[in-house]
Amino acid sequence: MAAIGLGQAAPEKKSYTFHGKVEVVDQSDNSLQVNNEKIDGWMEAMSMVYKVDDPAIVKKVKPGDQIVATVYGGDYVMLHKVQVMPSKPAGDSKSKK
């Protein structure tokens, strides 16, 4: 019976796209405090501390950076596949003549 159970894949958790602004970087804890946008069907907008799946990301991000990541239903403490979003140029090209 145990061998049969091992061959079955665990049900996949629903994934969500996470957007937020980094407020605090804690390299010693591999965590980020992020003010995140509302994620429909999962979480309201709030500021919270999250662990990251890749410790190298805490060396790349800084307070004020906008990030995008993947989060999974039921896991309120871990950010996966964190990416820093490119900052927008100071002058918006649409406002230039």
PDB file of N, CA and C in Angstrom:
ATOM      1  N   MET A   1       0.816  -1.194   0.000  1.00  0.00           N
ATOM      2  CA  MET A   1       0.000   0.000   0.000  1.00  0.00           C
ATOM      3  C   MET A   1       0.860   1.259   0.000  1.00  0.00           C
ATOM      4  N   ALA A   2       1.927   1.273   0.790  1.00  0.00           N
ATOM      5  CA  ALA A   2       2.781   2.462   0.864  1.00  0.00           C
ATOM      6  C   ALA A   2       3.395   2.775  -0.497  1.00  0.00           C
ATOM      7  N   ALA A   3       3.781   1.761  -1.238  1.00  0.00           N
ATOM      8  CA  ALA A   3       4.390   1.981  -2.549  1.00  0.00           C
ATOM      9  C   ALA A   3       3.403   2.631  -3.507  1.00  0.00           C
ATOM     10  N   ILE A   4       2.150   2.259  -3.400  1.00  0.00           N
ATOM     11  CA  ILE A   4       1.132   2.868  -4.255  1.00  0.00           C
ATOM     12  C   ILE A   4       0.994   4.347  -3.928  1.00  0.00           C
ATOM     13  N   GLY A   5       0.979   4.683  -2.655  1.00  0.00           N
ATOM     14  CA  GLY A   5       0.849   6.079  -2.224  1.00  0.00           C
ATOM     15  C   GLY A   5       2.020   6.931  -2.670  1.00  0.00           C
ATOM     16  N   LEU A   6       3.217   6.363  -2.710  1.00  0.00           N
ATOM     17  CA  LEU A   6       4.391   7.132  -3.102  1.00  0.00           C
ATOM     18  C   LEU A   6       4.360   7.490  -4.584  1.00  0.00           C
ATOM     19  N   GLY A   7       3.698   6.680  -5.395  1.00  0.00           N
ATOM     20  CA  GLY A   7       3.643   6.931  -6.819  1.00  0.00           C
ATOM     21  C   GLY A   7       2.651   8.016  -7.208  1.00  0.00           C
ATOM     22  N   GLN A   8       1.807   8.421  -6.285  1.00  0.00           N
ATOM     23  CA  GLN A   8       0.804   9.430  -6.588  1.00  0.00           C
ATOM     24  C   GLN A   8       1.364  10.818  -6.328  1.00  0.00           C
ATOM     25  N   ALA A   9       1.052  11.733  -7.219  1.00  0.00           N
ATOM     26  CA  ALA A   9       1.503  13.116  -7.050  1.00  0.00           C
ATOM     27  C   ALA A   9       0.613  13.820  -6.046  1.00  0.00           C
ATOM     28  N   ALA A  10       1.203  14.680  -5.249  1.00  0.00           N
ATOM     29  CA  ALA A  10       0.423  15.482  -4.312  1.00  0.00           C
ATOM     30  C   ALA A  10      -0.401  16.482  -5.108  1.00  0.00           C
ATOM     31  N   PRO A  11      -1.609  16.787  -4.632  1.00  0.00           N
ATOM     32  CA  PRO A  11      -2.407  17.773  -5.366  1.00  0.00           C
ATOM     33  C   PRO A  11      -1.692  19.119  -5.394  1.00  0.00           C
ATOM     34  N   GLU A  12      -1.741  19.774  -6.561  1.00  0.00           N
ATOM     35  CA  GLU A  12      -1.063  21.059  -6.704  1.00  0.00           C
ATOM     36  C   GLU A  12      -1.852  22.150  -6.002  1.00  0.00           C
ATOM     37  N   LYS A  13      -1.124  23.051  -5.355  1.00  0.00           N
ATOM     38  CA  LYS A  13      -1.760  24.200  -4.725  1.00  0.00           C
ATOM     39  C   LYS A  13      -1.965  25.269  -5.789  1.00  0.00           C
ATOM     40  N   LYS A  14      -3.015  26.043  -5.620  1.00  0.00           N
ATOM     41  CA  LYS A  14      -3.288  27.130  -6.569  1.00  0.00           C
ATOM     42  C   LYS A  14      -2.222  28.204  -6.407  1.00  0.00           C
ATOM     43  N   SER A  15      -1.716  28.715  -7.527  1.00  0.00           N
ATOM     44  CA  SER A  15      -0.710  29.772  -7.468  1.00  0.00           C
ATOM     45  C   SER A  15      -1.348  31.114  -7.799  1.00  0.00           C
ATOM     46  N   TYR A  16      -0.753  32.173  -7.245  1.00  0.00           N
ATOM     47  CA  TYR A  16      -1.212  33.538  -7.458  1.00  0.00           C
ATOM     48  C   TYR A  16      -0.001  34.412  -7.767  1.00  0.00           C
ATOM     49  N   THR A  17      -0.224  35.458  -8.547  1.00  0.00           N
ATOM     50  CA  THR A  17       0.832  36.427  -8.808  1.00  0.00           C
ATOM     51  C   THR A  17       0.764  37.500  -7.734  1.00  0.00           C
ATOM     52  N   PHE A  18       1.906  37.774  -7.135  1.00  0.00           N
ATOM     53  CA  PHE A  18       2.051  38.684  -5.996  1.00  0.00           C
ATOM     54  C   PHE A  18       2.810  39.919  -6.464  1.00  0.00           C
ATOM     55  N   HIS A  19       2.260  41.109  -6.198  1.00  0.00           N
ATOM     56  CA  HIS A  19       2.930  42.371  -6.520  1.00  0.00           C
ATOM     57  C   HIS A  19       3.060  43.170  -5.229  1.00  0.00           C
ATOM     58  N   GLY A  20       4.212  43.794  -5.028  1.00  0.00           N
ATOM     59  CA  GLY A  20       4.367  44.610  -3.834  1.00  0.00           C
ATOM     60  C   GLY A  20       5.604  45.472  -3.871  1.00  0.00           C
ATOM     61  N   LYS A  21       5.686  46.313  -2.845  1.00  0.00           N
ATOM     62  CA  LYS A  21       6.826  47.221  -2.689  1.00  0.00           C
ATOM     63  C   LYS A  21       7.602  46.797  -1.448  1.00  0.00           C
ATOM     64  N   VAL A  22       8.898  46.565  -1.618  1.00  0.00           N
ATOM     65  CA  VAL A  22       9.757  46.138  -0.504  1.00  0.00           C
ATOM     66  C   VAL A  22       9.929  47.298   0.468  1.00  0.00           C
ATOM     67  N   GLU A  23       9.700  47.017   1.752  1.00  0.00           N
ATOM     68  CA  GLU A  23       9.882  48.018   2.804  1.00  0.00           C
ATOM     69  C   GLU A  23      11.156  47.769   3.602  1.00  0.00           C
ATOM     70  N   VAL A  24      11.439  46.496   3.908  1.00  0.00           N
ATOM     71  CA  VAL A  24      12.605  46.129   4.716  1.00  0.00           C
ATOM     72  C   VAL A  24      13.207  44.848   4.149  1.00  0.00           C
ATOM     73  N   VAL A  25      14.536  44.792   4.080  1.00  0.00           N
ATOM     74  CA  VAL A  25      15.257  43.595   3.664  1.00  0.00           C
ATOM     75  C   VAL A  25      16.028  43.079   4.873  1.00  0.00           C
ATOM     76  N   ASP A  26      15.834  41.803   5.224  1.00  0.00           N
ATOM     77  CA  ASP A  26      16.546  41.196   6.352  1.00  0.00           C
ATOM     78  C   ASP A  26      17.386  40.033   5.818  1.00  0.00           C
ATOM     79  N   GLN A  27      18.673  40.321   5.513  1.00  0.00           N
ATOM     80  CA  GLN A  27      19.544  39.292   4.945  1.00  0.00           C
ATOM     81  C   GLN A  27      19.806  38.168   5.936  1.00  0.00           C
ATOM     82  N   SER A  28      19.845  38.465   7.220  1.00  0.00           N
ATOM     83  CA  SER A  28      20.149  37.425   8.211  1.00  0.00           C
ATOM     84  C   SER A  28      19.014  36.409   8.328  1.00  0.00           C
ATOM     85  N   ASP A  29      17.802  36.815   7.941  1.00  0.00           N
ATOM     86  CA  ASP A  29      16.630  35.940   8.059  1.00  0.00           C
ATOM     87  C   ASP A  29      16.091  35.506   6.689  1.00  0.00           C
ATOM     88  N   ASN A  30      16.760  35.938   5.606  1.00  0.00           N
ATOM     89  CA  ASN A  30      16.280  35.659   4.245  1.00  0.00           C
ATOM     90  C   ASN A  30      14.809  36.030   4.093  1.00  0.00           C
ATOM     91  N   SER A  31      14.496  37.263   4.529  1.00  0.00           N
ATOM     92  CA  SER A  31      13.101  37.688   4.459  1.00  0.00           C
ATOM     93  C   SER A  31      12.984  39.128   3.976  1.00  0.00           C
ATOM     94  N   LEU A  32      11.789  39.443   3.513  1.00  0.00           N
ATOM     95  CA  LEU A  32      11.458  40.781   3.046  1.00  0.00           C
ATOM     96  C   LEU A  32      10.161  41.214   3.700  1.00  0.00           C
ATOM     97  N   GLN A  33      10.117  42.456   4.143  1.00  0.00           N
ATOM     98  CA  GLN A  33       8.836  43.021   4.543  1.00  0.00           C
ATOM     99  C   GLN A  33       8.316  43.736   3.314  1.00  0.00           C
ATOM    100  N   VAL A  34       7.104  43.357   2.885  1.00  0.00           N
ATOM    101  CA  VAL A  34       6.551  43.859   1.636  1.00  0.00           C
ATOM    102  C   VAL A  34       5.151  44.407   1.867  1.00  0.00           C
ATOM    103  N   ASN A  35       4.892  45.561   1.277  1.00  0.00           N
ATOM    104  CA  ASN A  35       3.547  46.118   1.255  1.00  0.00           C
ATOM    105  C   ASN A  35       2.939  45.630  -0.060  1.00  0.00           C
ATOM    106  N   ASN A  36       2.100  44.586   0.033  1.00  0.00           N
ATOM    107  CA  ASN A  36       1.595  43.963  -1.184  1.00  0.00           C
ATOM    108  C   ASN A  36       0.211  44.465  -1.576  1.00  0.00           C
ATOM    109  N   GLU A  37      -0.050  44.349  -2.873  1.00  0.00           N
ATOM    110  CA  GLU A  37      -1.356  44.675  -3.420  1.00  0.00           C
ATOM    111  C   GLU A  37      -2.329  43.543  -3.079  1.00  0.00           C
ATOM    112  N   LYS A  38      -3.612  43.832  -3.160  1.00  0.00           N
ATOM    113  CA  LYS A  38      -4.642  42.823  -2.938  1.00  0.00           C
ATOM    114  C   LYS A  38      -4.490  41.721  -3.979  1.00  0.00           C
ATOM    115  N   ILE A  39      -4.658  40.489  -3.541  1.00  0.00           N
ATOM    116  CA  ILE A  39      -4.640  39.338  -4.441  1.00  0.00           C
ATOM    117  C   ILE A  39      -6.046  38.751  -4.383  1.00  0.00           C
ATOM    118  N   ASP A  40      -6.833  39.012  -5.416  1.00  0.00           N
ATOM    119  CA  ASP A  40      -8.222  38.556  -5.432  1.00  0.00           C
ATOM    120  C   ASP A  40      -8.317  37.065  -5.152  1.00  0.00           C
ATOM    121  N   GLY A  41      -9.208  36.718  -4.243  1.00  0.00           N
ATOM    122  CA  GLY A  41      -9.437  35.323  -3.905  1.00  0.00           C
ATOM    123  C   GLY A  41      -8.445  34.733  -2.927  1.00  0.00           C
ATOM    124  N   TRP A  42      -7.494  35.568  -2.443  1.00  0.00           N
ATOM    125  CA  TRP A  42      -6.487  34.997  -1.550  1.00  0.00           C
ATOM    126  C   TRP A  42      -6.114  35.903  -0.385  1.00  0.00           C
ATOM    127  N   MET A  43      -5.753  37.160  -0.633  1.00  0.00           N
ATOM    128  CA  MET A  43      -5.246  38.010   0.442  1.00  0.00           C
ATOM    129  C   MET A  43      -5.557  39.479   0.163  1.00  0.00           C
ATOM    130  N   GLU A  44      -5.895  40.199   1.222  1.00  0.00           N
ATOM    131  CA  GLU A  44      -6.089  41.645   1.126  1.00  0.00           C
ATOM    132  C   GLU A  44      -4.726  42.336   1.020  1.00  0.00           C
ATOM    133  N   ALA A  45      -4.742  43.602   0.631  1.00  0.00           N
ATOM    134  CA  ALA A  45      -3.509  44.397   0.615  1.00  0.00           C
ATOM    135  C   ALA A  45      -3.039  44.583   2.048  1.00  0.00           C
ATOM    136  N   MET A  46      -1.746  44.414   2.279  1.00  0.00           N
ATOM    137  CA  MET A  46      -1.190  44.570   3.633  1.00  0.00           C
ATOM    138  C   MET A  46       0.324  44.600   3.586  1.00  0.00           C
ATOM    139  N   SER A  47       0.912  44.967   4.697  1.00  0.00           N
ATOM    140  CA  SER A  47       2.356  44.909   4.848  1.00  0.00           C
ATOM    141  C   SER A  47       2.672  43.726   5.751  1.00  0.00           C
ATOM    142  N   MET A  48       3.585  42.850   5.286  1.00  0.00           N
ATOM    143  CA  MET A  48       3.873  41.627   6.020  1.00  0.00           C
ATOM    144  C   MET A  48       5.296  41.165   5.710  1.00  0.00           C
ATOM    145  N   VAL A  49       5.866  40.373   6.609  1.00  0.00           N
ATOM    146  CA  VAL A  49       7.197  39.794   6.405  1.00  0.00           C
ATOM    147  C   VAL A  49       7.034  38.422   5.758  1.00  0.00           C
ATOM    148  N   TYR A  50       7.811  38.193   4.701  1.00  0.00           N
ATOM    149  CA  TYR A  50       7.782  36.929   3.971  1.00  0.00           C
ATOM    150  C   TYR A  50       9.188  36.376   3.848  1.00  0.00           C
ATOM    151  N   LYS A  51       9.332  35.080   3.982  1.00  0.00           N
ATOM    152  CA  LYS A  51      10.580  34.398   3.636  1.00  0.00           C
ATOM    153  C   LYS A  51      10.642  34.312   2.112  1.00  0.00           C
ATOM    154  N   VAL A  52      11.846  34.129   1.579  1.00  0.00           N
ATOM    155  CA  VAL A  52      12.015  33.971   0.133  1.00  0.00           C
ATOM    156  C   VAL A  52      12.597  32.596  -0.157  1.00  0.00           C
ATOM    157  N   ASP A  53      12.214  32.022  -1.306  1.00  0.00           N
ATOM    158  CA  ASP A  53      12.694  30.685  -1.643  1.00  0.00           C
ATOM    159  C   ASP A  53      14.144  30.681  -2.115  1.00  0.00           C
ATOM    160  N   ASP A  54      14.637  31.844  -2.562  1.00  0.00           N
ATOM    161  CA  ASP A  54      16.012  31.957  -3.053  1.00  0.00           C
ATOM    162  C   ASP A  54      16.750  33.006  -2.221  1.00  0.00           C
ATOM    163  N   PRO A  55      17.629  32.586  -1.306  1.00  0.00           N
ATOM    164  CA  PRO A  55      18.330  33.539  -0.442  1.00  0.00           C
ATOM    165  C   PRO A  55      19.126  34.595  -1.204  1.00  0.00           C
ATOM    166  N   ALA A  56      19.502  34.341  -2.444  1.00  0.00           N
ATOM    167  CA  ALA A  56      20.275  35.319  -3.225  1.00  0.00           C
ATOM    168  C   ALA A  56      19.462  36.585  -3.499  1.00  0.00           C
ATOM    169  N   ILE A  57      18.135  36.480  -3.487  1.00  0.00           N
ATOM    170  CA  ILE A  57      17.314  37.645  -3.809  1.00  0.00           C
ATOM    171  C   ILE A  57      17.446  38.743  -2.755  1.00  0.00           C
ATOM    172  N   VAL A  58      17.702  38.379  -1.497  1.00  0.00           N
ATOM    173  CA  VAL A  58      17.821  39.414  -0.456  1.00  0.00           C
ATOM    174  C   VAL A  58      19.079  40.254  -0.630  1.00  0.00           C
ATOM    175  N   LYS A  59      20.009  39.785  -1.449  1.00  0.00           N
ATOM    176  CA  LYS A  59      21.211  40.570  -1.747  1.00  0.00           C
ATOM    177  C   LYS A  59      20.981  41.506  -2.930  1.00  0.00           C
ATOM    178  N   LYS A  60      19.896  41.265  -3.691  1.00  0.00           N
ATOM    179  CA  LYS A  60      19.607  42.059  -4.881  1.00  0.00           C
ATOM    180  C   LYS A  60      18.597  43.167  -4.629  1.00  0.00           C
ATOM    181  N   VAL A  61      17.637  42.915  -3.757  1.00  0.00           N
ATOM    182  CA  VAL A  61      16.563  43.895  -3.562  1.00  0.00           C
ATOM    183  C   VAL A  61      16.928  44.901  -2.481  1.00  0.00           C
ATOM    184  N   LYS A  62      16.259  46.053  -2.554  1.00  0.00           N
ATOM    185  CA  LYS A  62      16.459  47.095  -1.543  1.00  0.00           C
ATOM    186  C   LYS A  62      15.104  47.738  -1.249  1.00  0.00           C
ATOM    187  N   PRO A  63      14.976  48.380  -0.109  1.00  0.00           N
ATOM    188  CA  PRO A  63      13.716  49.057   0.194  1.00  0.00           C
ATOM    189  C   PRO A  63      13.335  50.016  -0.931  1.00  0.00           C
ATOM    190  N   GLY A  64      12.058  49.993  -1.280  1.00  0.00           N
ATOM    191  CA  GLY A  64      11.549  50.827  -2.358  1.00  0.00           C
ATOM    192  C   GLY A  64      11.380  50.085  -3.673  1.00  0.00           C
ATOM    193  N   ASP A  65      12.055  48.936  -3.823  1.00  0.00           N
ATOM    194  CA  ASP A  65      11.930  48.153  -5.054  1.00  0.00           C
ATOM    195  C   ASP A  65      10.518  47.568  -5.174  1.00  0.00           C
ATOM    196  N   GLN A  66      10.003  47.580  -6.405  1.00  0.00           N
ATOM    197  CA  GLN A  66       8.751  46.894  -6.718  1.00  0.00           C
ATOM    198  C   GLN A  66       9.115  45.478  -7.131  1.00  0.00           C
ATOM    199  N   ILE A  67       8.382  44.498  -6.576  1.00  0.00           N
ATOM    200  CA  ILE A  67       8.663  43.102  -6.913  1.00  0.00           C
ATOM    201  C   ILE A  67       7.405  42.411  -7.412  1.00  0.00           C
ATOM    202  N   VAL A  68       7.631  41.318  -8.106  1.00  0.00           N
ATOM    203  CA  VAL A  68       6.573  40.391  -8.471  1.00  0.00           C
ATOM    204  C   VAL A  68       7.074  39.012  -8.056  1.00  0.00           C
ATOM    205  N   ALA A  69       6.165  38.180  -7.552  1.00  0.00           N
ATOM    206  CA  ALA A  69       6.542  36.850  -7.088  1.00  0.00           C
ATOM    207  C   ALA A  69       5.357  35.913  -7.281  1.00  0.00           C
ATOM    208  N   THR A  70       5.580  34.659  -6.986  1.00  0.00           N
ATOM    209  CA  THR A  70       4.513  33.668  -6.985  1.00  0.00           C
ATOM    210  C   THR A  70       4.265  33.248  -5.551  1.00  0.00           C
ATOM    211  N   VAL A  71       2.981  33.162  -5.184  1.00  0.00           N
ATOM    212  CA  VAL A  71       2.582  32.645  -3.878  1.00  0.00           C
ATOM    213  C   VAL A  71       1.606  31.508  -4.119  1.00  0.00           C
ATOM    214  N   TYR A  72       1.471  30.636  -3.132  1.00  0.00           N
ATOM    215  CA  TYR A  72       0.615  29.466  -3.271  1.00  0.00           C
ATOM    216  C   TYR A  72      -0.443  29.448  -2.180  1.00  0.00           C
ATOM    217  N   GLY A  73      -1.647  29.056  -2.560  1.00  0.00           N
ATOM    218  CA  GLY A  73      -2.755  28.977  -1.620  1.00  0.00           C
ATOM    219  C   GLY A  73      -2.373  28.192  -0.371  1.00  0.00           C
ATOM    220  N   GLY A  74      -2.712  28.737   0.793  1.00  0.00           N
ATOM    221  CA  GLY A  74      -2.414  28.082   2.060  1.00  0.00           C
ATOM    222  C   GLY A  74      -1.032  28.397   2.612  1.00  0.00           C
ATOM    223  N   ASP A  75      -0.155  28.994   1.814  1.00  0.00           N
ATOM    224  CA  ASP A  75       1.209  29.334   2.261  1.00  0.00           C
ATOM    225  C   ASP A  75       1.313  30.852   2.356  1.00  0.00           C
ATOM    226  N   TYR A  76       1.187  31.370   3.564  1.00  0.00           N
ATOM    227  CA  TYR A  76       1.171  32.815   3.782  1.00  0.00           C
ATOM    228  C   TYR A  76       2.528  33.375   4.193  1.00  0.00           C
ATOM    229  N   VAL A  77       3.586  32.572   4.120  1.00  0.00           N
ATOM    230  CA  VAL A  77       4.881  33.041   4.625  1.00  0.00           C
ATOM    231  C   VAL A  77       6.023  32.991   3.618  1.00  0.00           C
ATOM    232  N   MET A  78       5.807  32.457   2.427  1.00  0.00           N
ATOM    233  CA  MET A  78       6.917  32.258   1.488  1.00  0.00           C
ATOM    234  C   MET A  78       6.611  32.885   0.134  1.00  0.00           C
ATOM    235  N   LEU A  79       7.599  33.624  -0.370  1.00  0.00           N
ATOM    236  CA  LEU A  79       7.538  34.154  -1.728  1.00  0.00           C
ATOM    237  C   LEU A  79       8.423  33.291  -2.608  1.00  0.00           C
ATOM    238  N   HIS A  80       7.917  32.921  -3.779  1.00  0.00           N
ATOM    239  CA  HIS A  80       8.646  32.083  -4.730  1.00  0.00           C
ATOM    240  C   HIS A  80       8.920  32.882  -5.999  1.00  0.00           C
ATOM    241  N   LYS A  81      10.045  32.608  -6.638  1.00  0.00           N
ATOM    242  CA  LYS A  81      10.395  33.209  -7.937  1.00  0.00           C
ATOM    243  C   LYS A  81      10.320  34.740  -7.899  1.00  0.00           C
ATOM    244  N   VAL A  82      10.889  35.339  -6.875  1.00  0.00           N
ATOM    245  CA  VAL A  82      10.854  36.797  -6.722  1.00  0.00           C
ATOM    246  C   VAL A  82      11.672  37.466  -7.825  1.00  0.00           C
ATOM    247  N   GLN A  83      11.079  38.498  -8.427  1.00  0.00           N
ATOM    248  CA  GLN A  83      11.772  39.280  -9.458  1.00  0.00           C
ATOM    249  C   GLN A  83      11.591  40.754  -9.141  1.00  0.00           C
ATOM    250  N   VAL A  84      12.668  41.509  -9.295  1.00  0.00           N
ATOM    251  CA  VAL A  84      12.594  42.960  -9.124  1.00  0.00           C
ATOM    252  C   VAL A  84      12.105  43.546 -10.441  1.00  0.00           C
ATOM    253  N   MET A  85      11.101  44.398 -10.353  1.00  0.00           N
ATOM    254  CA  MET A  85      10.553  45.033 -11.549  1.00  0.00           C
ATOM    255  C   MET A  85      11.441  46.208 -11.934  1.00  0.00           C
ATOM    256  N   PRO A  86      11.653  46.411 -13.227  1.00  0.00           N
ATOM    257  CA  PRO A  86      12.459  47.555 -13.654  1.00  0.00           C
ATOM    258  C   PRO A  86      11.781  48.852 -13.226  1.00  0.00           C
ATOM    259  N   SER A  87      12.575  49.800 -12.763  1.00  0.00           N
ATOM    260  CA  SER A  87      11.994  51.079 -12.361  1.00  0.00           C
ATOM    261  C   SER A  87      11.628  51.877 -13.595  1.00  0.00           C
ATOM    262  N   LYS A  88      10.574  52.671 -13.457  1.00  0.00           N
ATOM    263  CA  LYS A  88      10.109  53.495 -14.576  1.00  0.00           C
ATOM    264  C   LYS A  88      11.020  54.698 -14.719  1.00  0.00           C
ATOM    265  N   PRO A  89      11.283  55.102 -15.939  1.00  0.00           N
ATOM    266  CA  PRO A  89      12.113  56.308 -16.149  1.00  0.00           C
ATOM    267  C   PRO A  89      11.459  57.522 -15.498  1.00  0.00           C
ATOM    268  N   ALA A  90      12.274  58.494 -15.100  1.00  0.00           N
ATOM    269  CA  ALA A  90      11.768  59.686 -14.425  1.00  0.00           C
ATOM    270  C   ALA A  90      10.763  60.418 -15.285  1.00  0.00           C
ATOM    271  N   GLY A  91      11.005  60.512 -16.592  1.00  0.00           N
ATOM    272  CA  GLY A  91      10.073  61.165 -17.502  1.00  0.00           C
ATOM    273  C   GLY A  91       9.278  60.150 -18.278  1.00  0.00           C
ATOM    274  N   ASP A  92       7.979  60.226 -18.229  1.00  0.00           N
ATOM    275  CA  ASP A  92       7.126  59.313 -18.969  1.00  0.00           C
ATOM    276  C   ASP A  92       7.123  59.704 -20.434  1.00  0.00           C
ATOM    277  N   SER A  93       7.361  58.779 -21.341  1.00  0.00           N
ATOM    278  CA  SER A  93       7.456  59.102 -22.771  1.00  0.00           C
ATOM    279  C   SER A  93       6.157  59.671 -23.330  1.00  0.00           C
ATOM    280  N   LYS A  94       5.018  59.348 -22.723  1.00  0.00           N
ATOM    281  CA  LYS A  94       3.745  59.869 -23.203  1.00  0.00           C
ATOM    282  C   LYS A  94       3.601  61.356 -22.893  1.00  0.00           C
ATOM    283  N   SER A  95       4.271  61.825 -21.840  1.00  0.00           N
ATOM    284  CA  SER A  95       4.119  63.222 -21.467  1.00  0.00           C
ATOM    285  C   SER A  95       5.078  64.131 -22.249  1.00  0.00           C
ATOM    286  N   LYS A  96       6.035  63.556 -22.967  1.00  0.00           N
ATOM    287  CA  LYS A  96       6.984  64.350 -23.765  1.00  0.00           C
ATOM    288  C   LYS A  96       6.378  64.682 -25.120  1.00  0.00           C
ATOM    289  N   LYS A  97       6.696  65.869 -25.631  1.00  0.00           N
ATOM    290  CA  LYS A  97       6.176  66.263 -26.943  1.00  0.00           C
ATOM    291  C   LYS A  97       7.228  66.084 -27.995  1.00  0.00           C
TER     292      LYS A  97
END
